[in-house]
Every structure is written in structure tokens, then in C-alpha cells.
Amino acid sequence: MVFSFDVLLSRLQEAKVLKKMRIEDISKKSNVPVGTISKIFAGITTDPKIGTLIAIADALDANIDYLIYGKREINADTTFSEKECTIIKKYRQLTAEQQGAIENSIDYYIKANKKDEITENGEDPFENKVG
């Protein structure tokens, strides 16, 4: 993959908007000077140090691989508990077929839990409607 500062900048700005943070907020959380962050977000500094980018990514709760290479979508909540990390590690040890079975089970339980929910007018939100 080829690094593109313009793409990085776009992803940084997207993360900043998603997190509803100002340059000052990012600076305070990352311990990177306001001036440095301002220059990066203004496109003046086009080759920031990796340590600076990591600090900014951490402040934005964004994945550095996503910011640089687009390997992962930014999620509003990218923090995982210890239990979630353990489950992810176990999931990764499974075969593709086993992972598919787990995904199907999760989908089933989500749908089963939502089946009891109804819309304001009393209709089933998962009922197929035509027209």
C-alpha cells in the first residue's frame, strides 16, 4: 500500500468530527502541541513523525492502521474490554467454517432479542413488508 498524506488527513478530519473534538482537545489528550496538530490538520506538515500520529490516533480513539492505510473503519467506540479482547483472540483461532457458525449464532441471538421489540404502532420491526 502506498502512503498518501491527503488520505491520512481526510481520515484524521473524519475521526476528529466523529469524536466531536477540537484541535485543543486533541492536543490536551495527546500531549502534542496545538501548533503541531494545527499544522498537520491544515496540511502544512505533510510528513509528521509516526510518534505524533500515534499520539493523535490514540487521542481520537482511532486505529493508526486505518488512518494511514485504511485497513479498518473508524468506529465511534473502538475500545474493547479485556473480555472482548479474549473472545476476539479465541475467535481468530477458529477455522473459517467455525467462525461462520459463531457469526450465525450471534446473528440468531441478536434477532431473537430484538424479536420482542415492537415499533410505536405495535408492528413487528422485523416483519417483511411489501410495497
N, C-alpha and C. Protein backbone atom coordinates (compact mmCIF):
# COMPACT_ATOMS: atom_id res chain seq x y z
N MET A 1 0.83 -1.18 0.00
CA MET A 1 0.00 0.00 0.00
C MET A 1 0.87 1.25 0.00
N VAL A 2 0.42 2.24 -0.70
CA VAL A 2 1.16 3.49 -0.81
C VAL A 2 0.56 4.51 0.16
N PHE A 3 1.44 5.19 0.88
CA PHE A 3 1.00 6.21 1.82
C PHE A 3 0.62 7.47 1.07
N SER A 4 -0.51 8.05 1.45
CA SER A 4 -0.96 9.30 0.88
C SER A 4 -1.34 10.24 2.01
N PHE A 5 -0.63 11.36 2.12
CA PHE A 5 -0.94 12.31 3.19
C PHE A 5 -2.35 12.84 3.06
N ASP A 6 -2.81 13.09 1.84
CA ASP A 6 -4.16 13.62 1.65
C ASP A 6 -5.22 12.67 2.20
N VAL A 7 -5.02 11.38 1.99
CA VAL A 7 -5.96 10.38 2.51
C VAL A 7 -5.86 10.34 4.04
N LEU A 8 -4.65 10.36 4.57
CA LEU A 8 -4.45 10.41 6.02
C LEU A 8 -5.15 11.62 6.61
N LEU A 9 -4.95 12.76 6.01
CA LEU A 9 -5.57 14.00 6.51
C LEU A 9 -7.09 13.89 6.50
N SER A 10 -7.64 13.34 5.44
CA SER A 10 -9.09 13.16 5.35
C SER A 10 -9.60 12.25 6.47
N ARG A 11 -8.87 11.18 6.73
CA ARG A 11 -9.28 10.25 7.79
C ARG A 11 -9.12 10.88 9.17
N LEU A 12 -8.07 11.66 9.37
CA LEU A 12 -7.90 12.38 10.64
C LEU A 12 -9.06 13.34 10.87
N GLN A 13 -9.42 14.08 9.83
CA GLN A 13 -10.52 15.03 9.96
C GLN A 13 -11.84 14.32 10.23
N GLU A 14 -12.03 13.18 9.58
CA GLU A 14 -13.25 12.38 9.81
C GLU A 14 -13.31 11.91 11.27
N ALA A 15 -12.19 11.43 11.79
CA ALA A 15 -12.14 10.97 13.18
C ALA A 15 -12.38 12.12 14.14
N LYS A 16 -11.83 13.28 13.84
CA LYS A 16 -12.00 14.47 14.67
C LYS A 16 -13.48 14.86 14.75
N VAL A 17 -14.15 14.83 13.61
CA VAL A 17 -15.58 15.16 13.57
C VAL A 17 -16.39 14.10 14.32
N LEU A 18 -16.07 12.83 14.08
CA LEU A 18 -16.78 11.74 14.76
C LEU A 18 -16.69 11.86 16.28
N LYS A 19 -15.52 12.21 16.76
CA LYS A 19 -15.29 12.32 18.20
C LYS A 19 -15.70 13.69 18.76
N LYS A 20 -16.09 14.60 17.84
CA LYS A 20 -16.52 15.95 18.24
C LYS A 20 -15.45 16.63 19.10
N MET A 21 -14.21 16.57 18.58
CA MET A 21 -13.08 17.15 19.30
C MET A 21 -12.52 18.35 18.53
N ARG A 22 -12.01 19.30 19.29
CA ARG A 22 -11.32 20.45 18.71
C ARG A 22 -9.82 20.15 18.73
N ILE A 23 -9.06 20.94 18.00
CA ILE A 23 -7.60 20.79 17.99
C ILE A 23 -7.06 20.84 19.42
N GLU A 24 -7.60 21.75 20.21
CA GLU A 24 -7.16 21.91 21.60
C GLU A 24 -7.43 20.65 22.42
N ASP A 25 -8.58 20.02 22.17
CA ASP A 25 -8.92 18.78 22.89
C ASP A 25 -7.94 17.67 22.52
N ILE A 26 -7.63 17.56 21.23
CA ILE A 26 -6.70 16.54 20.77
C ILE A 26 -5.32 16.79 21.38
N SER A 27 -4.91 18.04 21.40
CA SER A 27 -3.61 18.41 21.97
C SER A 27 -3.52 18.01 23.44
N LYS A 28 -4.55 18.36 24.18
CA LYS A 28 -4.55 18.06 25.62
C LYS A 28 -4.50 16.55 25.87
N LYS A 29 -5.28 15.80 25.11
CA LYS A 29 -5.35 14.35 25.30
C LYS A 29 -4.10 13.63 24.79
N SER A 30 -3.46 14.19 23.77
CA SER A 30 -2.31 13.52 23.14
C SER A 30 -0.96 14.03 23.65
N ASN A 31 -0.97 15.17 24.33
CA ASN A 31 0.28 15.83 24.75
C ASN A 31 1.14 16.27 23.56
N VAL A 32 0.48 16.51 22.43
CA VAL A 32 1.15 17.05 21.25
C VAL A 32 0.78 18.53 21.20
N PRO A 33 1.75 19.42 20.99
CA PRO A 33 1.45 20.86 20.97
C PRO A 33 0.35 21.23 19.97
N VAL A 34 -0.45 22.21 20.35
CA VAL A 34 -1.54 22.70 19.49
C VAL A 34 -1.00 23.09 18.12
N GLY A 35 0.13 23.77 18.09
CA GLY A 35 0.72 24.22 16.83
C GLY A 35 1.03 23.06 15.89
N THR A 36 1.57 21.99 16.45
CA THR A 36 1.91 20.81 15.65
C THR A 36 0.65 20.19 15.05
N ILE A 37 -0.36 20.03 15.88
CA ILE A 37 -1.62 19.44 15.41
C ILE A 37 -2.28 20.36 14.39
N SER A 38 -2.27 21.65 14.64
CA SER A 38 -2.85 22.61 13.70
C SER A 38 -2.18 22.52 12.34
N LYS A 39 -0.85 22.42 12.32
CA LYS A 39 -0.12 22.33 11.06
C LYS A 39 -0.45 21.04 10.31
N ILE A 40 -0.61 19.95 11.05
CA ILE A 40 -0.97 18.68 10.40
C ILE A 40 -2.37 18.79 9.80
N PHE A 41 -3.33 19.27 10.58
CA PHE A 41 -4.71 19.37 10.10
C PHE A 41 -4.89 20.43 9.01
N ALA A 42 -3.97 21.39 8.96
CA ALA A 42 -4.03 22.40 7.90
C ALA A 42 -3.30 21.95 6.64
N GLY A 43 -2.59 20.82 6.72
CA GLY A 43 -1.86 20.31 5.56
C GLY A 43 -0.51 20.96 5.37
N ILE A 44 -0.05 21.72 6.37
CA ILE A 44 1.26 22.37 6.30
C ILE A 44 2.36 21.35 6.55
N THR A 45 2.19 20.55 7.60
CA THR A 45 3.12 19.46 7.88
C THR A 45 2.59 18.24 7.18
N THR A 46 3.27 17.81 6.11
CA THR A 46 2.77 16.68 5.32
C THR A 46 3.52 15.38 5.59
N ASP A 47 4.50 15.42 6.47
CA ASP A 47 5.26 14.22 6.81
C ASP A 47 5.49 14.19 8.33
N PRO A 48 4.39 14.06 9.10
CA PRO A 48 4.54 14.09 10.56
C PRO A 48 5.25 12.85 11.08
N LYS A 49 5.88 12.98 12.24
CA LYS A 49 6.56 11.84 12.86
C LYS A 49 5.52 10.79 13.24
N ILE A 50 5.92 9.53 13.15
CA ILE A 50 5.00 8.44 13.46
C ILE A 50 4.54 8.51 14.92
N GLY A 51 5.42 8.91 15.81
CA GLY A 51 5.04 9.04 17.23
C GLY A 51 3.95 10.08 17.42
N THR A 52 4.02 11.15 16.65
CA THR A 52 2.99 12.19 16.70
C THR A 52 1.66 11.64 16.19
N LEU A 53 1.71 10.92 15.08
CA LEU A 53 0.48 10.33 14.53
C LEU A 53 -0.14 9.32 15.48
N ILE A 54 0.69 8.53 16.12
CA ILE A 54 0.17 7.54 17.08
C ILE A 54 -0.50 8.25 18.25
N ALA A 55 0.12 9.30 18.75
CA ALA A 55 -0.47 10.05 19.86
C ALA A 55 -1.80 10.68 19.47
N ILE A 56 -1.87 11.22 18.26
CA ILE A 56 -3.12 11.82 17.77
C ILE A 56 -4.17 10.73 17.58
N ALA A 57 -3.77 9.60 17.00
CA ALA A 57 -4.72 8.49 16.80
C ALA A 57 -5.27 8.01 18.13
N ASP A 58 -4.40 7.87 19.13
CA ASP A 58 -4.84 7.45 20.46
C ASP A 58 -5.81 8.46 21.06
N ALA A 59 -5.51 9.74 20.89
CA ALA A 59 -6.39 10.79 21.42
C ALA A 59 -7.77 10.74 20.76
N LEU A 60 -7.79 10.36 19.49
CA LEU A 60 -9.05 10.27 18.74
C LEU A 60 -9.70 8.90 18.86
N ASP A 61 -9.08 7.99 19.61
CA ASP A 61 -9.55 6.60 19.69
C ASP A 61 -9.70 6.00 18.30
N ALA A 62 -8.77 6.33 17.43
CA ALA A 62 -8.79 5.83 16.05
C ALA A 62 -7.65 4.84 15.87
N ASN A 63 -7.85 3.91 14.97
CA ASN A 63 -6.85 2.90 14.67
C ASN A 63 -5.81 3.48 13.72
N ILE A 64 -4.54 3.44 14.09
CA ILE A 64 -3.48 4.02 13.27
C ILE A 64 -3.38 3.34 11.91
N ASP A 65 -3.64 2.02 11.85
CA ASP A 65 -3.63 1.32 10.56
C ASP A 65 -4.72 1.86 9.63
N TYR A 66 -5.86 2.20 10.21
CA TYR A 66 -6.93 2.78 9.40
C TYR A 66 -6.51 4.17 8.91
N LEU A 67 -6.00 4.98 9.80
CA LEU A 67 -5.63 6.35 9.42
C LEU A 67 -4.60 6.37 8.29
N ILE A 68 -3.62 5.50 8.37
CA ILE A 68 -2.55 5.50 7.38
C ILE A 68 -2.90 4.69 6.13
N TYR A 69 -3.43 3.48 6.34
CA TYR A 69 -3.63 2.57 5.22
C TYR A 69 -5.09 2.23 4.91
N GLY A 70 -6.01 2.65 5.75
CA GLY A 70 -7.42 2.34 5.51
C GLY A 70 -7.78 0.91 5.83
N LYS A 71 -7.00 0.25 6.69
CA LYS A 71 -7.22 -1.16 6.97
C LYS A 71 -8.41 -1.44 7.88
N ARG A 72 -8.95 -0.40 8.48
CA ARG A 72 -10.05 -0.63 9.41
C ARG A 72 -10.90 0.62 9.46
N GLU A 73 -12.21 0.44 9.49
CA GLU A 73 -13.09 1.60 9.59
C GLU A 73 -13.00 2.19 10.98
N ILE A 74 -13.17 3.51 11.00
CA ILE A 74 -13.24 4.17 12.30
C ILE A 74 -14.60 3.85 12.90
N ASN A 75 -14.57 3.51 14.14
CA ASN A 75 -15.80 3.24 14.86
C ASN A 75 -15.90 4.24 15.99
N ALA A 76 -17.12 4.65 16.28
CA ALA A 76 -17.30 5.61 17.37
C ALA A 76 -16.76 5.06 18.68
N ASP A 77 -16.81 3.74 18.85
CA ASP A 77 -16.30 3.14 20.07
C ASP A 77 -15.33 2.03 19.70
N THR A 78 -14.04 2.33 19.70
CA THR A 78 -13.05 1.34 19.32
C THR A 78 -12.35 0.73 20.51
N THR A 79 -12.83 0.98 21.70
CA THR A 79 -12.22 0.44 22.90
C THR A 79 -12.89 -0.89 23.25
N PHE A 80 -12.07 -1.93 23.45
CA PHE A 80 -12.58 -3.24 23.81
C PHE A 80 -12.22 -3.57 25.25
N SER A 81 -13.13 -4.23 25.95
CA SER A 81 -12.84 -4.69 27.30
C SER A 81 -11.89 -5.88 27.22
N GLU A 82 -11.33 -6.28 28.36
CA GLU A 82 -10.45 -7.45 28.40
C GLU A 82 -11.20 -8.69 27.92
N LYS A 83 -12.45 -8.82 28.34
CA LYS A 83 -13.26 -9.98 27.95
C LYS A 83 -13.47 -10.00 26.44
N GLU A 84 -13.76 -8.83 25.83
CA GLU A 84 -13.94 -8.76 24.39
C GLU A 84 -12.65 -9.12 23.66
N CYS A 85 -11.51 -8.64 24.16
CA CYS A 85 -10.22 -8.97 23.54
C CYS A 85 -9.96 -10.47 23.61
N THR A 86 -10.29 -11.09 24.73
CA THR A 86 -10.11 -12.54 24.89
C THR A 86 -10.98 -13.29 23.90
N ILE A 87 -12.23 -12.85 23.73
CA ILE A 87 -13.15 -13.51 22.79
C ILE A 87 -12.63 -13.36 21.36
N ILE A 88 -12.14 -12.18 21.01
CA ILE A 88 -11.60 -11.95 19.66
C ILE A 88 -10.41 -12.86 19.41
N LYS A 89 -9.52 -12.99 20.40
CA LYS A 89 -8.35 -13.86 20.24
C LYS A 89 -8.77 -15.32 20.04
N LYS A 90 -9.78 -15.76 20.79
CA LYS A 90 -10.28 -17.13 20.62
C LYS A 90 -10.92 -17.30 19.25
N TYR A 91 -11.70 -16.32 18.82
CA TYR A 91 -12.36 -16.36 17.51
C TYR A 91 -11.34 -16.52 16.40
N ARG A 92 -10.24 -15.81 16.50
CA ARG A 92 -9.20 -15.86 15.46
C ARG A 92 -8.51 -17.22 15.37
N GLN A 93 -8.64 -18.05 16.40
CA GLN A 93 -8.03 -19.38 16.39
C GLN A 93 -8.92 -20.41 15.69
N LEU A 94 -10.16 -20.02 15.39
CA LEU A 94 -11.10 -20.94 14.77
C LEU A 94 -10.90 -21.01 13.25
N THR A 95 -11.39 -22.10 12.66
CA THR A 95 -11.37 -22.21 11.20
C THR A 95 -12.43 -21.27 10.63
N ALA A 96 -12.37 -21.04 9.33
CA ALA A 96 -13.36 -20.17 8.68
C ALA A 96 -14.77 -20.72 8.88
N GLU A 97 -14.91 -22.03 8.80
CA GLU A 97 -16.22 -22.65 8.99
C GLU A 97 -16.73 -22.43 10.42
N GLN A 98 -15.85 -22.59 11.39
CA GLN A 98 -16.24 -22.38 12.79
C GLN A 98 -16.58 -20.91 13.04
N GLN A 99 -15.81 -20.00 12.43
CA GLN A 99 -16.11 -18.58 12.57
C GLN A 99 -17.50 -18.26 12.01
N GLY A 100 -17.81 -18.89 10.86
CA GLY A 100 -19.13 -18.69 10.25
C GLY A 100 -20.24 -19.15 11.18
N ALA A 101 -20.03 -20.29 11.85
CA ALA A 101 -21.03 -20.81 12.78
C ALA A 101 -21.23 -19.85 13.95
N ILE A 102 -20.13 -19.29 14.45
CA ILE A 102 -20.21 -18.32 15.56
C ILE A 102 -20.97 -17.08 15.09
N GLU A 103 -20.65 -16.58 13.89
CA GLU A 103 -21.33 -15.39 13.36
C GLU A 103 -22.83 -15.65 13.20
N ASN A 104 -23.19 -16.84 12.72
CA ASN A 104 -24.60 -17.20 12.59
C ASN A 104 -25.29 -17.23 13.95
N SER A 105 -24.60 -17.77 14.95
CA SER A 105 -25.17 -17.82 16.30
C SER A 105 -25.39 -16.42 16.85
N ILE A 106 -24.41 -15.54 16.65
CA ILE A 106 -24.54 -14.16 17.12
C ILE A 106 -25.72 -13.49 16.44
N ASP A 107 -25.82 -13.65 15.10
CA ASP A 107 -26.95 -13.07 14.37
C ASP A 107 -28.28 -13.59 14.90
N TYR A 108 -28.33 -14.90 15.19
CA TYR A 108 -29.55 -15.51 15.71
C TYR A 108 -29.94 -14.87 17.04
N TYR A 109 -28.99 -14.76 17.96
CA TYR A 109 -29.30 -14.21 19.29
C TYR A 109 -29.68 -12.74 19.22
N ILE A 110 -29.05 -11.99 18.34
CA ILE A 110 -29.42 -10.58 18.18
C ILE A 110 -30.85 -10.47 17.67
N LYS A 111 -31.18 -11.26 16.68
CA LYS A 111 -32.54 -11.23 16.13
C LYS A 111 -33.55 -11.71 17.17
N ALA A 112 -33.21 -12.76 17.92
CA ALA A 112 -34.11 -13.27 18.94
C ALA A 112 -34.37 -12.23 20.02
N ASN A 113 -33.34 -11.50 20.41
CA ASN A 113 -33.51 -10.46 21.43
C ASN A 113 -34.36 -9.31 20.92
N LYS A 114 -34.23 -8.99 19.65
CA LYS A 114 -34.98 -7.87 19.09
C LYS A 114 -36.39 -8.25 18.69
N LYS A 115 -36.65 -9.56 18.59
CA LYS A 115 -37.96 -10.02 18.16
C LYS A 115 -39.06 -9.53 19.10
N ASP A 116 -38.72 -9.38 20.37
CA ASP A 116 -39.70 -8.93 21.35
C ASP A 116 -39.96 -7.43 21.27
N GLU A 117 -39.05 -6.71 20.62
CA GLU A 117 -39.24 -5.27 20.49
C GLU A 117 -40.31 -4.97 19.45
N ILE A 118 -41.08 -3.96 19.70
CA ILE A 118 -42.11 -3.57 18.74
C ILE A 118 -41.99 -2.08 18.47
N THR A 119 -42.48 -1.68 17.32
CA THR A 119 -42.45 -0.27 16.98
C THR A 119 -43.55 0.46 17.73
N GLU A 120 -43.57 1.77 17.63
CA GLU A 120 -44.56 2.57 18.34
C GLU A 120 -45.99 2.21 17.97
N ASN A 121 -46.23 1.78 16.73
CA ASN A 121 -47.59 1.45 16.31
C ASN A 121 -47.92 -0.03 16.54
N GLY A 122 -47.04 -0.74 17.24
CA GLY A 122 -47.32 -2.12 17.61
C GLY A 122 -46.93 -3.16 16.58
N GLU A 123 -46.30 -2.76 15.49
CA GLU A 123 -45.90 -3.70 14.44
C GLU A 123 -44.55 -4.29 14.75
N ASP A 124 -44.33 -5.49 14.25
CA ASP A 124 -43.05 -6.17 14.38
C ASP A 124 -42.03 -5.47 13.47
N PRO A 125 -40.93 -4.92 14.00
CA PRO A 125 -39.96 -4.20 13.17
C PRO A 125 -39.21 -5.10 12.20
N PHE A 126 -39.26 -6.43 12.38
CA PHE A 126 -38.51 -7.33 11.51
C PHE A 126 -39.42 -8.03 10.50
N GLU A 127 -40.68 -7.70 10.53
CA GLU A 127 -41.62 -8.31 9.61
C GLU A 127 -41.37 -7.76 8.21
N ASN A 128 -41.31 -8.65 7.21
CA ASN A 128 -41.12 -8.21 5.83
C ASN A 128 -42.39 -7.53 5.33
N LYS A 129 -42.23 -6.35 4.79
CA LYS A 129 -43.37 -5.63 4.25
C LYS A 129 -43.13 -5.39 2.77
N VAL A 130 -44.16 -5.53 1.99
CA VAL A 130 -44.08 -5.31 0.54
C VAL A 130 -44.80 -4.02 0.23
N GLY A 131 -44.14 -3.22 -0.62
CA GLY A 131 -44.84 -2.10 -1.17
C GLY A 131 -44.60 -0.82 -0.60
